[in-house]
PDB file of N, CA and C in Angstrom:
ATOM      1  N   TYR A   1     111.369  85.826  99.874  1.00  0.00           N
ATOM      2  CA  TYR A   1     111.854  87.201  99.630  1.00  0.00           C
ATOM      3  C   TYR A   1     112.712  87.183 100.341  1.00  0.00           C
ATOM      4  N   GLU A   2     113.716  87.655 100.637  1.00  0.00           N
ATOM      5  CA  GLU A   2     114.396  88.527 101.934  1.00  0.00           C
ATOM      6  C   GLU A   2     114.935  89.652 101.963  1.00  0.00           C
ATOM      7  N   ILE A   3     114.468  90.186 103.007  1.00  0.00           N
ATOM      8  CA  ILE A   3     114.495  91.551 103.947  1.00  0.00           C
ATOM      9  C   ILE A   3     116.128  91.739 103.778  1.00  0.00           C
ATOM     10  N   VAL A   4     116.669  92.868 103.021  1.00  0.00           N
ATOM     11  CA  VAL A   4     118.033  93.460 103.474  1.00  0.00           C
ATOM     12  C   VAL A   4     118.297  94.628 103.722  1.00  0.00           C
ATOM     13  N   SER A   5     118.925  95.154 104.787  1.00  0.00           N
ATOM     14  CA  SER A   5     119.415  96.009 104.827  1.00  0.00           C
ATOM     15  C   SER A   5     119.742  97.148 103.961  1.00  0.00           C
ATOM     16  N   ARG A   6     119.949  98.210 104.039  1.00  0.00           N
ATOM     17  CA  ARG A   6     120.982  99.103 102.618  1.00  0.00           C
ATOM     18  C   ARG A   6     121.205 100.593 103.037  1.00  0.00           C
ATOM     19  N   ASP A   7     121.846 101.327 103.382  1.00  0.00           N
ATOM     20  CA  ASP A   7     122.234 102.465 103.897  1.00  0.00           C
ATOM     21  C   ASP A   7     122.671 103.463 102.275  1.00  0.00           C
ATOM     22  N   TRP A   8     121.407 104.072 102.366  1.00  0.00           N
ATOM     23  CA  TRP A   8     121.826 105.248 100.818  1.00  0.00           C
ATOM     24  C   TRP A   8     122.134 106.469 101.534  1.00  0.00           C
ATOM     25  N   SER A   9     123.035 107.085 102.113  1.00  0.00           N
ATOM     26  CA  SER A   9     123.425 107.689 102.494  1.00  0.00           C
ATOM     27  C   SER A   9     124.415 108.264 101.574  1.00  0.00           C
ATOM     28  N   SER A  10     125.561 107.072 101.139  1.00  0.00           N
ATOM     29  CA  SER A  10     126.628 107.522 100.389  1.00  0.00           C
ATOM     30  C   SER A  10     126.453 106.882  98.875  1.00  0.00           C
ATOM     31  N   ASP A  11     125.359 106.786  99.015  1.00  0.00           N
ATOM     32  CA  ASP A  11     124.635 106.427  97.023  1.00  0.00           C
ATOM     33  C   ASP A  11     123.940 107.519  96.520  1.00  0.00           C
ATOM     34  N   VAL A  12     122.972 108.306  97.211  1.00  0.00           N
ATOM     35  CA  VAL A  12     122.041 108.924  96.651  1.00  0.00           C
ATOM     36  C   VAL A  12     121.381 110.294  97.426  1.00  0.00           C
ATOM     37  N   CYS A  13     121.896 111.699  96.917  1.00  0.00           N
ATOM     38  CA  CYS A  13     121.090 112.889  97.968  1.00  0.00           C
ATOM     39  C   CYS A  13     119.831 111.674  98.685  1.00  0.00           C
ATOM     40  N   SER A  14     119.213 112.477  99.752  1.00  0.00           N
ATOM     41  CA  SER A  14     118.133 112.093 100.043  1.00  0.00           C
ATOM     42  C   SER A  14     117.500 112.430  99.807  1.00  0.00           C
ATOM     43  N   SER A  15     116.884 113.895  99.750  1.00  0.00           N
ATOM     44  CA  SER A  15     116.256 114.899  98.487  1.00  0.00           C
ATOM     45  C   SER A  15     116.522 114.292  96.831  1.00  0.00           C
ATOM     46  N   ASP A  16     117.081 113.265  96.451  1.00  0.00           N
ATOM     47  CA  ASP A  16     116.379 112.714  95.723  1.00  0.00           C
ATOM     48  C   ASP A  16     115.711 111.921  95.906  1.00  0.00           C
ATOM     49  N   LEU A  17     115.191 111.204  96.651  1.00  0.00           N
ATOM     50  CA  LEU A  17     114.736 110.177  97.406  1.00  0.00           C
ATOM     51  C   LEU A  17     113.551 110.038  97.612  1.00  0.00           C
ATOM     52  N   GLY A  18     112.997 111.943  97.588  1.00  0.00           N
ATOM     53  CA  GLY A  18     111.483 112.587  97.909  1.00  0.00           C
ATOM     54  C   GLY A  18     110.855 111.654  98.804  1.00  0.00           C
ATOM     55  N   ALA A  19     110.245 112.340  99.652  1.00  0.00           N
ATOM     56  CA  ALA A  19     109.666 111.620 100.731  1.00  0.00           C
ATOM     57  C   ALA A  19     108.352 110.716 100.883  1.00  0.00           C
ATOM     58  N   ILE A  20     108.649 110.031 101.288  1.00  0.00           N
ATOM     59  CA  ILE A  20     108.232 108.127 102.015  1.00  0.00           C
ATOM     60  C   ILE A  20     107.433 108.022 103.083  1.00  0.00           C
ATOM     61  N   ALA A  21     105.707 107.740 102.595  1.00  0.00           N
ATOM     62  CA  ALA A  21     105.062 107.218 103.881  1.00  0.00           C
ATOM     63  C   ALA A  21     104.747 105.678 104.089  1.00  0.00           C
ATOM     64  N   LEU A  22     104.787 105.183 105.432  1.00  0.00           N
ATOM     65  CA  LEU A  22     104.216 104.313 105.139  1.00  0.00           C
ATOM     66  C   LEU A  22     103.313 103.546 106.256  1.00  0.00           C
ATOM     67  N   ALA A  23     102.462 103.347 106.644  1.00  0.00           N
ATOM     68  CA  ALA A  23     101.401 103.400 107.449  1.00  0.00           C
ATOM     69  C   ALA A  23     100.934 102.458 107.034  1.00  0.00           C
ATOM     70  N   ALA A  24     100.894 101.163 108.488  1.00  0.00           N
ATOM     71  CA  ALA A  24      99.381  99.865 108.301  1.00  0.00           C
ATOM     72  C   ALA A  24      98.401 100.717 108.976  1.00  0.00           C
ATOM     73  N   ILE A  25      97.681  99.876 108.883  1.00  0.00           N
ATOM     74  CA  ILE A  25      96.351 100.207 108.925  1.00  0.00           C
ATOM     75  C   ILE A  25      95.473  98.940 109.933  1.00  0.00           C
ATOM     76  N   ALA A  26      95.740  99.119 110.882  1.00  0.00           N
ATOM     77  CA  ALA A  26      94.851  98.200 111.755  1.00  0.00           C
ATOM     78  C   ALA A  26      95.989  96.999 111.594  1.00  0.00           C
ATOM     79  N   GLU A  27      95.100  95.833 111.862  1.00  0.00           N
ATOM     80  CA  GLU A  27      95.803  94.512 111.836  1.00  0.00           C
ATOM     81  C   GLU A  27      95.188  93.917 110.320  1.00  0.00           C
ATOM     82  N   ASP A  28      94.725  94.630 109.062  1.00  0.00           N
ATOM     83  CA  ASP A  28      94.091  94.761 107.868  1.00  0.00           C
ATOM     84  C   ASP A  28      95.193  95.105 106.475  1.00  0.00           C
ATOM     85  N   PHE A  29      95.408  95.890 106.722  1.00  0.00           N
ATOM     86  CA  PHE A  29      96.367  96.478 105.611  1.00  0.00           C
ATOM     87  C   PHE A  29      97.185  97.331 105.323  1.00  0.00           C
ATOM     88  N   PHE A  30      97.894  98.189 104.749  1.00  0.00           N
ATOM     89  CA  PHE A  30      99.443  98.437 104.873  1.00  0.00           C
ATOM     90  C   PHE A  30      99.052 100.060 103.252  1.00  0.00           C
ATOM     91  N   ILE A  31     100.526 100.786 103.424  1.00  0.00           N
ATOM     92  CA  ILE A  31      99.954 101.902 102.505  1.00  0.00           C
ATOM     93  C   ILE A  31     101.474 102.670 102.947  1.00  0.00           C
ATOM     94  N   VAL A  32     101.783 102.406 101.221  1.00  0.00           N
ATOM     95  CA  VAL A  32     103.060 102.897 101.034  1.00  0.00           C
ATOM     96  C   VAL A  32     102.513 103.947 100.073  1.00  0.00           C
ATOM     97  N   ALA A  33     103.524 105.565 100.117  1.00  0.00           N
ATOM     98  CA  ALA A  33     103.270 106.512  99.515  1.00  0.00           C
ATOM     99  C   ALA A  33     104.489 107.173  99.054  1.00  0.00           C
ATOM    100  N   ARG A  34     105.221 107.499  97.981  1.00  0.00           N
ATOM    101  CA  ARG A  34     106.337 108.544  97.707  1.00  0.00           C
ATOM    102  C   ARG A  34     105.894 109.832  96.777  1.00  0.00           C
ATOM    103  N   GLU A  35     106.363 110.898  97.737  1.00  0.00           N
ATOM    104  CA  GLU A  35     106.437 112.076  96.720  1.00  0.00           C
ATOM    105  C   GLU A  35     107.494 112.113  96.133  1.00  0.00           C
ATOM    106  N   ILE A  36     107.924 112.243  94.993  1.00  0.00           N
ATOM    107  CA  ILE A  36     108.998 113.314  93.951  1.00  0.00           C
ATOM    108  C   ILE A  36     108.305 113.548  93.671  1.00  0.00           C
ATOM    109  N   GLY A  37     109.147 114.846  93.976  1.00  0.00           N
ATOM    110  CA  GLY A  37     109.037 116.695  92.923  1.00  0.00           C
ATOM    111  C   GLY A  37     107.722 116.198  93.114  1.00  0.00           C
ATOM    112  N   SER A  38     106.458 116.961  91.892  1.00  0.00           N
ATOM    113  CA  SER A  38     104.910 117.328  92.106  1.00  0.00           C
ATOM    114  C   SER A  38     104.573 115.710  92.041  1.00  0.00           C
ATOM    115  N   GLU A  39     105.079 114.479  91.616  1.00  0.00           N
ATOM    116  CA  GLU A  39     104.620 112.983  91.423  1.00  0.00           C
ATOM    117  C   GLU A  39     104.047 112.262  92.926  1.00  0.00           C
ATOM    118  N   MET A  40     103.551 112.133  92.655  1.00  0.00           N
ATOM    119  CA  MET A  40     102.802 110.941  94.255  1.00  0.00           C
ATOM    120  C   MET A  40     102.183 109.756  93.916  1.00  0.00           C
ATOM    121  N   LYS A  41     103.242 108.753  94.359  1.00  0.00           N
ATOM    122  CA  LYS A  41     102.967 107.230  93.899  1.00  0.00           C
ATOM    123  C   LYS A  41     102.222 106.844  95.413  1.00  0.00           C
ATOM    124  N   MET A  42     101.178 105.675  94.988  1.00  0.00           N
ATOM    125  CA  MET A  42     101.028 104.959  96.004  1.00  0.00           C
ATOM    126  C   MET A  42     100.947 103.741  96.270  1.00  0.00           C
ATOM    127  N   MET A  43     100.887 102.859  97.268  1.00  0.00           N
ATOM    128  CA  MET A  43     100.020 102.244  96.819  1.00  0.00           C
ATOM    129  C   MET A  43      99.015 101.228  98.245  1.00  0.00           C
ATOM    130  N   ILE A  44      98.862 100.122  97.954  1.00  0.00           N
ATOM    131  CA  ILE A  44      97.608  99.102  98.852  1.00  0.00           C
ATOM    132  C   ILE A  44      98.353  98.349  99.105  1.00  0.00           C
ATOM    133  N   SER A  45      98.282  97.954  99.710  1.00  0.00           N
ATOM    134  CA  SER A  45      98.767  95.464 100.150  1.00  0.00           C
ATOM    135  C   SER A  45      97.675  95.246  99.147  1.00  0.00           C
ATOM    136  N   ASP A  46      96.144  95.357 100.153  1.00  0.00           N
ATOM    137  CA  ASP A  46      94.796  94.616  99.899  1.00  0.00           C
ATOM    138  C   ASP A  46      94.063  95.369  99.348  1.00  0.00           C
ATOM    139  N   ALA A  47      93.856  96.188  98.091  1.00  0.00           N
ATOM    140  CA  ALA A  47      92.301  97.113  97.965  1.00  0.00           C
ATOM    141  C   ALA A  47      91.381  95.851  97.538  1.00  0.00           C
ATOM    142  N   THR A  48      91.086  94.625  98.186  1.00  0.00           N
ATOM    143  CA  THR A  48      89.896  94.564  98.565  1.00  0.00           C
ATOM    144  C   THR A  48      89.303  94.397 100.168  1.00  0.00           C
ATOM    145  N   TYR A  49      90.200  95.151 100.769  1.00  0.00           N
ATOM    146  CA  TYR A  49      89.555  95.532 101.703  1.00  0.00           C
ATOM    147  C   TYR A  49      88.628  97.388 101.994  1.00  0.00           C
ATOM    148  N   ALA A  50      88.802  97.865 100.464  1.00  0.00           N
ATOM    149  CA  ALA A  50      88.042  98.485  99.957  1.00  0.00           C
ATOM    150  C   ALA A  50      86.104  98.597 100.443  1.00  0.00           C
ATOM    151  N   LEU A  51      86.150  96.906 100.736  1.00  0.00           N
ATOM    152  CA  LEU A  51      85.131  96.190 100.925  1.00  0.00           C
ATOM    153  C   LEU A  51      84.565  96.677 101.924  1.00  0.00           C
ATOM    154  N   GLU A  52      85.342  96.749 102.729  1.00  0.00           N
ATOM    155  CA  GLU A  52      85.257  97.459 103.974  1.00  0.00           C
ATOM    156  C   GLU A  52      85.780  98.141 105.182  1.00  0.00           C
ATOM    157  N   ASN A  53      86.407  99.282 104.708  1.00  0.00           N
ATOM    158  CA  ASN A  53      87.135 100.378 105.158  1.00  0.00           C
ATOM    159  C   ASN A  53      87.225 101.934 104.490  1.00  0.00           C
ATOM    160  N   ASP A  54      86.554 102.871 104.839  1.00  0.00           N
ATOM    161  CA  ASP A  54      86.536 103.861 103.823  1.00  0.00           C
ATOM    162  C   ASP A  54      87.529 104.770 103.056  1.00  0.00           C
ATOM    163  N   LEU A  55      89.339 104.553 104.314  1.00  0.00           N
ATOM    164  CA  LEU A  55      90.430 104.500 103.935  1.00  0.00           C
ATOM    165  C   LEU A  55      90.463 104.597 102.925  1.00  0.00           C
ATOM    166  N   ALA A  56      90.767 102.434 102.427  1.00  0.00           N
ATOM    167  CA  ALA A  56      90.667 101.611 101.203  1.00  0.00           C
ATOM    168  C   ALA A  56      90.032 102.206 100.109  1.00  0.00           C
ATOM    169  N   VAL A  57      88.485 102.732 100.684  1.00  0.00           N
ATOM    170  CA  VAL A  57      87.950 103.246  99.578  1.00  0.00           C
ATOM    171  C   VAL A  57      88.190 104.729  98.437  1.00  0.00           C
ATOM    172  N   ASP A  58      89.151 105.568  99.900  1.00  0.00           N
ATOM    173  CA  ASP A  58      89.187 106.385  98.912  1.00  0.00           C
ATOM    174  C   ASP A  58      90.385 106.491  98.805  1.00  0.00           C
ATOM    175  N   LEU A  59      91.443 105.314  98.664  1.00  0.00           N
ATOM    176  CA  LEU A  59      92.763 105.263  98.301  1.00  0.00           C
ATOM    177  C   LEU A  59      92.206 104.215  97.142  1.00  0.00           C
ATOM    178  N   LEU A  60      91.240 104.244  96.877  1.00  0.00           N
ATOM    179  CA  LEU A  60      90.835 103.370  95.767  1.00  0.00           C
ATOM    180  C   LEU A  60      91.117 104.423  94.498  1.00  0.00           C
ATOM    181  N   GLU A  61      89.884 105.569  94.847  1.00  0.00           N
ATOM    182  CA  GLU A  61      89.612 106.560  94.037  1.00  0.00           C
ATOM    183  C   GLU A  61      90.718 107.068  93.804  1.00  0.00           C
ATOM    184  N   MET A  62      91.414 107.677  94.669  1.00  0.00           N
ATOM    185  CA  MET A  62      92.833 108.441  94.272  1.00  0.00           C
ATOM    186  C   MET A  62      94.004 107.748  93.798  1.00  0.00           C
ATOM    187  N   MET A  63      93.562 106.647  93.351  1.00  0.00           N
ATOM    188  CA  MET A  63      94.511 105.862  92.571  1.00  0.00           C
ATOM    189  C   MET A  63      93.713 105.286  91.591  1.00  0.00           C
ATOM    190  N   ASP A  64      92.497 106.197  90.972  1.00  0.00           N
ATOM    191  CA  ASP A  64      92.051 105.798  89.795  1.00  0.00           C
ATOM    192  C   ASP A  64      91.682 103.843  89.387  1.00  0.00           C
ATOM    193  N   LEU A  65      91.920 102.805  90.758  1.00  0.00           N
ATOM    194  CA  LEU A  65      91.750 101.513  90.480  1.00  0.00           C
ATOM    195  C   LEU A  65      90.479 101.409  90.744  1.00  0.00           C
ATOM    196  N   PRO A  66      90.128 100.445  90.035  1.00  0.00           N
ATOM    197  CA  PRO A  66      88.590  99.710  90.566  1.00  0.00           C
ATOM    198  C   PRO A  66      87.862  99.114  91.850  1.00  0.00           C
ATOM    199  N   PHE A  67      87.019  99.131  92.089  1.00  0.00           N
ATOM    200  CA  PHE A  67      86.414  98.505  93.297  1.00  0.00           C
ATOM    201  C   PHE A  67      86.485  97.021  93.135  1.00  0.00           C
ATOM    202  N   PRO A  68      86.902  97.043  94.423  1.00  0.00           N
ATOM    203  CA  PRO A  68      86.967  94.769  94.458  1.00  0.00           C
ATOM    204  C   PRO A  68      85.233  94.026  94.472  1.00  0.00           C
ATOM    205  N   GLU A  69      85.137  93.110  93.377  1.00  0.00           N
ATOM    206  CA  GLU A  69      84.258  92.666  94.056  1.00  0.00           C
ATOM    207  C   GLU A  69      83.924  91.437  95.046  1.00  0.00           C
ATOM    208  N   GLU A  70      82.881  91.084  96.119  1.00  0.00           N
ATOM    209  CA  GLU A  70      82.822  90.226  97.368  1.00  0.00           C
ATOM    210  C   GLU A  70      84.060  89.122  96.938  1.00  0.00           C
ATOM    211  N   ASP A  71      83.658  88.609  96.317  1.00  0.00           N
ATOM    212  CA  ASP A  71      84.754  87.271  95.903  1.00  0.00           C
ATOM    213  C   ASP A  71      85.903  87.235  95.577  1.00  0.00           C
ATOM    214  N   ASP A  72      86.479  88.676  94.726  1.00  0.00           N
ATOM    215  CA  ASP A  72      88.157  88.734  94.253  1.00  0.00           C
ATOM    216  C   ASP A  72      88.693  88.369  95.583  1.00  0.00           C
ATOM    217  N   ASP A  73      90.078  87.803  95.670  1.00  0.00           N
ATOM    218  CA  ASP A  73      91.125  87.723  95.755  1.00  0.00           C
ATOM    219  C   ASP A  73      92.168  88.530  95.852  1.00  0.00           C
ATOM    220  N   ALA A  74      92.691  88.776  97.776  1.00  0.00           N
ATOM    221  CA  ALA A  74      93.730  89.261  97.948  1.00  0.00           C
ATOM    222  C   ALA A  74      94.499  90.121  97.159  1.00  0.00           C
ATOM    223  N   GLN A  75      94.622  90.793  96.042  1.00  0.00           N
ATOM    224  CA  GLN A  75      94.998  92.170  95.690  1.00  0.00           C
ATOM    225  C   GLN A  75      95.965  93.128  96.121  1.00  0.00           C
ATOM    226  N   ALA A  76      97.462  93.732  95.879  1.00  0.00           N
ATOM    227  CA  ALA A  76      97.749  94.605  95.933  1.00  0.00           C
ATOM    228  C   ALA A  76      97.448  95.548  95.255  1.00  0.00           C
ATOM    229  N   GLY A  77      97.480  96.406  94.980  1.00  0.00           N
ATOM    230  CA  GLY A  77      97.208  97.911  94.023  1.00  0.00           C
ATOM    231  C   GLY A  77      97.732  98.607  93.879  1.00  0.00           C
ATOM    232  N   GLY A  78      97.472  99.795  92.948  1.00  0.00           N
ATOM    233  CA  GLY A  78      98.568 100.788  92.643  1.00  0.00           C
ATOM    234  C   GLY A  78      99.880 101.369  92.128  1.00  0.00           C
ATOM    235  N   ASP A  79     100.313 101.708  92.391  1.00  0.00           N
ATOM    236  CA  ASP A  79     102.225 101.910  92.182  1.00  0.00           C
ATOM    237  C   ASP A  79     103.037 101.174  92.807  1.00  0.00           C
ATOM    238  N   LEU A  80     102.464  99.787  92.389  1.00  0.00           N
ATOM    239  CA  LEU A  80     103.888  98.875  92.990  1.00  0.00           C
ATOM    240  C   LEU A  80     105.563  99.065  92.699  1.00  0.00           C
ATOM    241  N   ASP A  81     105.499  99.711  91.420  1.00  0.00           N
ATOM    242  CA  ASP A  81     106.421 100.254  91.459  1.00  0.00           C
ATOM    243  C   ASP A  81     107.498 100.686  92.145  1.00  0.00           C
ATOM    244  N   LEU A  82     107.210 102.020  92.730  1.00  0.00           N
ATOM    245  CA  LEU A  82     106.850 103.045  93.353  1.00  0.00           C
ATOM    246  C   LEU A  82     108.228 103.072  94.131  1.00  0.00           C
ATOM    247  N   LEU A  83     109.003 102.245  94.651  1.00  0.00           N
ATOM    248  CA  LEU A  83     110.538 101.647  95.524  1.00  0.00           C
ATOM    249  C   LEU A  83     111.338 101.013  95.030  1.00  0.00           C
ATOM    250  N   THR A  84     111.184 100.712  93.713  1.00  0.00           N
ATOM    251  CA  THR A  84     111.555 100.315  92.779  1.00  0.00           C
ATOM    252  C   THR A  84     113.139 101.076  92.736  1.00  0.00           C
ATOM    253  N   ASP A  85     113.265 101.992  92.543  1.00  0.00           N
ATOM    254  CA  ASP A  85     114.544 102.904  92.142  1.00  0.00           C
ATOM    255  C   ASP A  85     115.463 102.549  93.448  1.00  0.00           C
ATOM    256  N   LEU A  86     114.193 102.371  94.283  1.00  0.00           N
ATOM    257  CA  LEU A  86     115.273 102.521  95.951  1.00  0.00           C
ATOM    258  C   LEU A  86     115.378 100.950  96.242  1.00  0.00           C
ATOM    259  N   GLY A  87     115.584 100.108  95.630  1.00  0.00           N
ATOM    260  CA  GLY A  87     116.054  98.294  95.488  1.00  0.00           C
ATOM    261  C   GLY A  87     115.154  97.296  95.997  1.00  0.00           C
ATOM    262  N   ILE A  88     113.759  97.451  95.718  1.00  0.00           N
ATOM    263  CA  ILE A  88     112.486  97.481  95.890  1.00  0.00           C
ATOM    264  C   ILE A  88     111.852  97.191  94.968  1.00  0.00           C
ATOM    265  N   ASN A  89     111.656  96.337  94.380  1.00  0.00           N
ATOM    266  CA  ASN A  89     110.376  95.829  92.735  1.00  0.00           C
ATOM    267  C   ASN A  89     109.775  95.672  93.125  1.00  0.00           C
ATOM    268  N   GLU A  90     108.672  95.595  92.197  1.00  0.00           N
ATOM    269  CA  GLU A  90     107.152  95.810  92.059  1.00  0.00           C
ATOM    270  C   GLU A  90     107.003  94.664  92.324  1.00  0.00           C
ATOM    271  N   MET A  91     107.469  92.741  91.917  1.00  0.00           N
ATOM    272  CA  MET A  91     107.397  91.364  92.578  1.00  0.00           C
ATOM    273  C   MET A  91     107.648  91.234  93.549  1.00  0.00           C
ATOM    274  N   GLU A  92     108.768  92.175  94.392  1.00  0.00           N
ATOM    275  CA  GLU A  92     109.118  92.177  96.046  1.00  0.00           C
ATOM    276  C   GLU A  92     108.133  92.676  96.507  1.00  0.00           C
ATOM    277  N   LEU A  93     107.910  94.494  96.165  1.00  0.00           N
ATOM    278  CA  LEU A  93     106.575  94.936  96.828  1.00  0.00           C
ATOM    279  C   LEU A  93     105.467  93.691  96.884  1.00  0.00           C
ATOM    280  N   GLU A  94     104.611  92.915  96.188  1.00  0.00           N
ATOM    281  CA  GLU A  94     104.084  92.206  96.244  1.00  0.00           C
ATOM    282  C   GLU A  94     104.157  90.901  97.037  1.00  0.00           C
ATOM    283  N   ALA A  95     104.972  90.824  96.863  1.00  0.00           N
ATOM    284  CA  ALA A  95     105.161  89.413  97.495  1.00  0.00           C
ATOM    285  C   ALA A  95     105.583  89.730  99.707  1.00  0.00           C
ATOM    286  N   ILE A  96     105.908  91.385  99.637  1.00  0.00           N
ATOM    287  CA  ILE A  96     105.286  91.309 101.123  1.00  0.00           C
ATOM    288  C   ILE A  96     104.165  91.254 101.054  1.00  0.00           C
ATOM    289  N   ALA A  97     103.162  92.385 100.348  1.00  0.00           N
ATOM    290  CA  ALA A  97     102.331  92.469 100.645  1.00  0.00           C
ATOM    291  C   ALA A  97     100.801  91.252 100.830  1.00  0.00           C
ATOM    292  N   ALA A  98     101.676  89.964  99.682  1.00  0.00           N
ATOM    293  CA  ALA A  98     100.568  88.952 100.177  1.00  0.00           C
ATOM    294  C   ALA A  98     100.979  88.288 101.109  1.00  0.00           C
ATOM    295  N   ASP A  99     102.213  88.234 101.853  1.00  0.00           N
ATOM    296  CA  ASP A  99     102.790  87.145 103.028  1.00  0.00           C
ATOM    297  C   ASP A  99     101.826  87.463 104.253  1.00  0.00           C
ATOM    298  N   ASP A 100     100.914  86.028 104.468  1.00  0.00           N
ATOM    299  CA  ASP A 100     100.163  86.163 105.438  1.00  0.00           C
ATOM    300  C   ASP A 100      99.875  85.861 105.994  1.00  0.00           C
ATOM    301  N   ASP A 101     101.772  85.448 106.832  1.00  0.00           N
ATOM    302  CA  ASP A 101     102.933  85.915 108.074  1.00  0.00           C
ATOM    303  C   ASP A 101     103.110  86.483 108.851  1.00  0.00           C
ATOM    304  N   LEU A 102     102.638  88.088 108.063  1.00  0.00           N
ATOM    305  CA  LEU A 102     103.100  89.167 108.788  1.00  0.00           C
ATOM    306  C   LEU A 102     101.729  90.359 108.563  1.00  0.00           C
ATOM    307  N   TYR A 103     102.235  90.743 109.725  1.00  0.00           N
ATOM    308  CA  TYR A 103     101.022  91.935 110.104  1.00  0.00           C
ATOM    309  C   TYR A 103     101.583  92.977 109.243  1.00  0.00           C
ATOM    310  N   PRO A 104     100.664  94.241 109.237  1.00  0.00           N
ATOM    311  CA  PRO A 104     100.908  94.982 108.226  1.00  0.00           C
ATOM    312  C   PRO A 104     102.180  95.760 109.124  1.00  0.00           C
ATOM    313  N   ASP A 105     102.511  95.799 110.124  1.00  0.00           N
ATOM    314  CA  ASP A 105     102.968  96.353 110.845  1.00  0.00           C
ATOM    315  C   ASP A 105     104.708  96.200 110.731  1.00  0.00           C
ATOM    316  N   GLU A 106     104.185  94.427 110.730  1.00  0.00           N
ATOM    317  CA  GLU A 106     105.934  93.607 110.175  1.00  0.00           C
ATOM    318  C   GLU A 106     106.257  94.177 108.869  1.00  0.00           C
ATOM    319  N   ALA A 107     104.789  94.557 108.143  1.00  0.00           N
ATOM    320  CA  ALA A 107     105.374  94.360 106.905  1.00  0.00           C
ATOM    321  C   ALA A 107     106.210  95.586 106.562  1.00  0.00           C
ATOM    322  N   ILE A 108     105.655  96.645 107.346  1.00  0.00           N
ATOM    323  CA  ILE A 108     106.170  98.139 107.028  1.00  0.00           C
ATOM    324  C   ILE A 108     107.236  98.384 107.033  1.00  0.00           C
ATOM    325  N   GLU A 109     107.593  97.978 108.688  1.00  0.00           N
ATOM    326  CA  GLU A 109     109.208  97.651 109.375  1.00  0.00           C
ATOM    327  C   GLU A 109     110.144  97.024 107.926  1.00  0.00           C
ATOM    328  N   GLY A 110     109.641  95.653 108.113  1.00  0.00           N
ATOM    329  CA  GLY A 110     110.625  95.507 107.050  1.00  0.00           C
ATOM    330  C   GLY A 110     110.924  96.027 105.441  1.00  0.00           C
ATOM    331  N   ILE A 111     110.215  96.904 105.479  1.00  0.00           N
ATOM    332  CA  ILE A 111     110.316  98.120 103.999  1.00  0.00           C
ATOM    333  C   ILE A 111     111.098  98.698 104.342  1.00  0.00           C
ATOM    334  N   ALA A 112     111.053  99.455 105.813  1.00  0.00           N
ATOM    335  CA  ALA A 112     111.493 100.751 105.987  1.00  0.00           C
ATOM    336  C   ALA A 112     113.338 100.190 106.257  1.00  0.00           C
ATOM    337  N   LYS A 113     113.644  98.642 107.197  1.00  0.00           N
ATOM    338  CA  LYS A 113     114.702  98.427 106.928  1.00  0.00           C
ATOM    339  C   LYS A 113     115.782  98.206 105.597  1.00  0.00           C
ATOM    340  N   ARG A 114     114.319  97.399 104.639  1.00  0.00           N
ATOM    341  CA  ARG A 114     115.265  97.364 103.305  1.00  0.00           C
ATOM    342  C   ARG A 114     115.730  98.656 102.590  1.00  0.00           C
ATOM    343  N   LEU A 115     115.216  99.548 103.168  1.00  0.00           N
ATOM    344  CA  LEU A 115     115.614 100.801 102.566  1.00  0.00           C
ATOM    345  C   LEU A 115     116.817 101.477 103.740  1.00  0.00           C
ATOM    346  N   GLY A 116     116.913 101.279 104.696  1.00  0.00           N
ATOM    347  CA  GLY A 116     117.959 101.473 104.887  1.00  0.00           C
ATOM    348  C   GLY A 116     117.143 102.810 106.384  1.00  0.00           C
ATOM    349  N   PHE A 117     115.731 102.758 106.500  1.00  0.00           N
ATOM    350  CA  PHE A 117     115.594 103.447 107.791  1.00  0.00           C
ATOM    351  C   PHE A 117     114.972 102.905 109.069  1.00  0.00           C
ATOM    352  N   GLY A 118     115.333 101.532 109.303  1.00  0.00           N
ATOM    353  CA  GLY A 118     114.551 100.383 109.995  1.00  0.00           C
ATOM    354  C   GLY A 118     114.518 101.363 111.732  1.00  0.00           C
ATOM    355  N   ASP A 119     115.845 101.238 111.660  1.00  0.00           N
ATOM    356  CA  ASP A 119     115.556 101.872 113.312  1.00  0.00           C
ATOM    357  C   ASP A 119     115.190 103.074 113.478  1.00  0.00           C
ATOM    358  N   GLN A 120     115.524 103.785 112.612  1.00  0.00           N
ATOM    359  CA  GLN A 120     114.485 105.017 113.083  1.00  0.00           C
ATOM    360  C   GLN A 120     113.097 105.007 112.937  1.00  0.00           C
ATOM    361  N   PHE A 121     112.526 104.119 111.982  1.00  0.00           N
ATOM    362  CA  PHE A 121     111.608 103.934 111.303  1.00  0.00           C
ATOM    363  C   PHE A 121     110.610 103.226 113.014  1.00  0.00           C
ATOM    364  N   VAL A 122     111.872 101.977 113.760  1.00  0.00           N
ATOM    365  CA  VAL A 122     111.092 101.761 114.797  1.00  0.00           C
ATOM    366  C   VAL A 122     110.670 102.583 116.220  1.00  0.00           C
ATOM    367  N   ASP A 123     111.758 103.176 115.679  1.00  0.00           N
ATOM    368  CA  ASP A 123     111.888 104.418 116.891  1.00  0.00           C
ATOM    369  C   ASP A 123     110.282 105.185 117.054  1.00  0.00           C
ATOM    370  N   LEU A 124     110.349 105.941 115.770  1.00  0.00           N
ATOM    371  CA  LEU A 124     108.895 106.259 115.588  1.00  0.00           C
ATOM    372  C   LEU A 124     107.644 105.427 115.634  1.00  0.00           C
ATOM    373  N   TYR A 125     107.477 104.503 114.895  1.00  0.00           N
ATOM    374  CA  TYR A 125     106.468 103.730 115.199  1.00  0.00           C
ATOM    375  C   TYR A 125     106.735 103.582 116.911  1.00  0.00           C
ATOM    376  N   GLU A 126     107.074 102.852 117.493  1.00  0.00           N
ATOM    377  CA  GLU A 126     106.975 102.841 118.766  1.00  0.00           C
ATOM    378  C   GLU A 126     106.610 103.388 119.832  1.00  0.00           C
ATOM    379  N   ASN A 127     107.509 104.306 119.681  1.00  0.00           N
ATOM    380  CA  ASN A 127     107.661 105.621 120.811  1.00  0.00           C
ATOM    381  C   ASN A 127     107.047 107.506 120.403  1.00  0.00           C
ATOM    382  N   GLY A 128     107.061 106.862 119.138  1.00  0.00           N
ATOM    383  CA  GLY A 128     106.481 108.412 119.068  1.00  0.00           C
ATOM    384  C   GLY A 128     107.697 109.322 118.920  1.00  0.00           C
ATOM    385  N   ASP A 129     108.921 108.882 118.699  1.00  0.00           N
ATOM    386  CA  ASP A 129     110.010 109.688 119.410  1.00  0.00           C
ATOM    387  C   ASP A 129     110.282 110.553 118.254  1.00  0.00           C
TER     388      ASP A 129
END
């Protein structure tokens, strides 16, 4: 897959995009959440982390996803289509989640760049500014 930067300012009113949260959980997995109006959509990059991480357990419960088994392969779960209208479809998000060469912080940085706010995201993530 290719991560391409996009500037949405001329295409869509920012209030139409909703709030987007990107979170890397250690070197384990990442979460993407998006609120549009009263609807909340979320995804986890690897649902099998629920076997060892309480946050992942809570997220799977919130999304009403089945609890993984010990021998399950890594699998993204949740609303994988939550960014489709912004240019990252379900297959692309699954590919990012499944990329073993990316740490979770690198994956969410790539998502932020693709959505057009990569520089601001890096500033906040690295500097807290």
